[in-house]
Protein backbone atom coordinates (compact mmCIF):
# COMPACT_ATOMS: atom_id res chain seq x y z
CA MET A 1 -3.55 1.83 4.70
CA GLU A 2 -1.91 -0.57 7.08
CA TYR A 3 1.09 0.05 9.31
CA ALA A 4 2.81 -3.30 9.76
CA ASN A 5 5.57 -4.49 12.01
CA THR A 6 4.69 -7.91 13.34
CA SER A 7 1.64 -8.26 11.06
CA LEU A 8 3.51 -7.66 7.79
CA GLU A 9 3.09 -11.19 6.42
CA LYS A 10 -0.65 -11.14 7.18
CA ASP A 11 -1.04 -7.71 5.59
CA LEU A 12 0.83 -8.77 2.44
CA GLU A 13 -0.60 -12.29 2.07
CA LEU A 14 -4.16 -12.09 3.39
CA LYS A 15 -5.40 -8.53 3.64
CA ASP A 16 -4.22 -7.63 0.14
CA LYS A 17 -6.34 -10.46 -1.28
CA ILE A 18 -9.36 -9.40 0.78
CA SER A 19 -8.95 -5.82 -0.45
CA ALA A 20 -8.54 -6.89 -4.08
CA GLN A 21 -11.58 -9.18 -3.88
CA ALA A 22 -13.58 -6.26 -2.46
CA GLY A 23 -12.56 -4.16 -5.47
CA ILE A 24 -10.54 -1.63 -3.49
CA ALA A 25 -8.52 0.21 -6.14
CA GLU A 26 -5.44 0.78 -3.97
CA TYR A 27 -4.09 -0.91 -0.86
CA TRP A 28 -1.09 0.55 0.94
CA VAL A 29 1.12 -1.12 3.54
CA VAL A 30 3.86 0.68 5.48
CA ASN A 31 6.62 -1.74 6.44
CA LEU A 32 7.79 -0.28 9.75
CA LYS A 33 10.97 -2.38 9.78
CA THR A 34 12.30 -1.13 6.43
CA ARG A 35 10.39 2.19 6.34
CA ASP A 36 9.01 1.39 2.90
CA LEU A 37 5.54 1.93 1.48
CA ILE A 38 4.18 -0.99 -0.53
CA VAL A 39 1.43 0.05 -2.94
CA PHE A 40 -0.94 -2.47 -4.54
CA ARG A 41 -3.08 -1.29 -7.47
CA ASN A 42 -5.39 -2.48 -10.22
CA PRO A 43 -7.40 -5.34 -8.70
CA PHE A 44 -8.52 -7.99 -11.18
CA GLU A 45 -10.15 -11.30 -10.31
CA GLY A 46 -9.20 -11.03 -6.64
CA GLU A 47 -5.54 -10.15 -7.16
CA TYR A 48 -3.69 -6.86 -7.51
CA GLN A 49 -1.99 -6.57 -10.87
CA ALA A 50 0.55 -3.88 -9.93
CA THR A 51 2.79 -3.59 -6.88
CA SER A 52 5.46 -1.03 -6.14
CA THR A 53 7.70 -0.38 -3.16
CA LEU A 54 8.63 3.21 -2.35
CA SER A 55 10.93 4.71 0.26
CA ASP A 56 10.80 8.34 -0.81
CA GLY A 57 9.32 10.69 -3.38
CA THR A 58 5.75 11.78 -3.92
CA LEU A 59 2.87 9.34 -4.22
CA TYR A 60 -0.15 10.30 -6.28
CA SER A 61 -3.21 8.22 -5.52
CA GLU A 62 -4.99 6.89 -8.58
CA SER A 63 -8.23 7.01 -6.61
CA PHE A 64 -7.72 10.65 -5.60
CA PRO A 65 -5.48 12.15 -8.32
CA THR A 66 -5.39 15.62 -6.78
CA VAL A 67 -3.89 14.25 -3.56
CA ALA A 68 -0.09 14.15 -3.34
CA LEU A 69 1.55 12.48 -0.36
CA GLU A 70 5.21 12.53 0.63
CA VAL A 71 6.25 8.92 1.13
CA ALA A 72 8.90 9.84 3.72
CA GLN A 73 6.24 11.39 5.96
CA LEU A 74 3.99 8.35 5.69
CA VAL A 75 6.71 5.87 6.58
CA LEU A 76 8.21 7.95 9.40
CA GLU A 77 4.96 8.78 11.14
CA GLY A 78 3.95 5.16 11.62
C-alpha cells in the first residue's frame, strides 16, 4: 500500500507496473489529495487487469478474503 501526495503519478505509472511484473496480486494507492483508495488487481503480463477507485465502503482483499477494511479509515489515516 502506498500513500501518495506528491508521488501519485510515480505510484500510478511506475510502481503499479513493477508490482504487476512481480506478480503481486493487489496493489493499493491512497490518493491523499482526493482521499480515494485506488485498487489494482489481477496482474497479467506485467499489467493489472482491474482497477477500481473507492472513497468509502468496505474493502475485502482478494489475497486475504477474511480481512475486511473500512476504506474511510484507510484514506483518513494517511
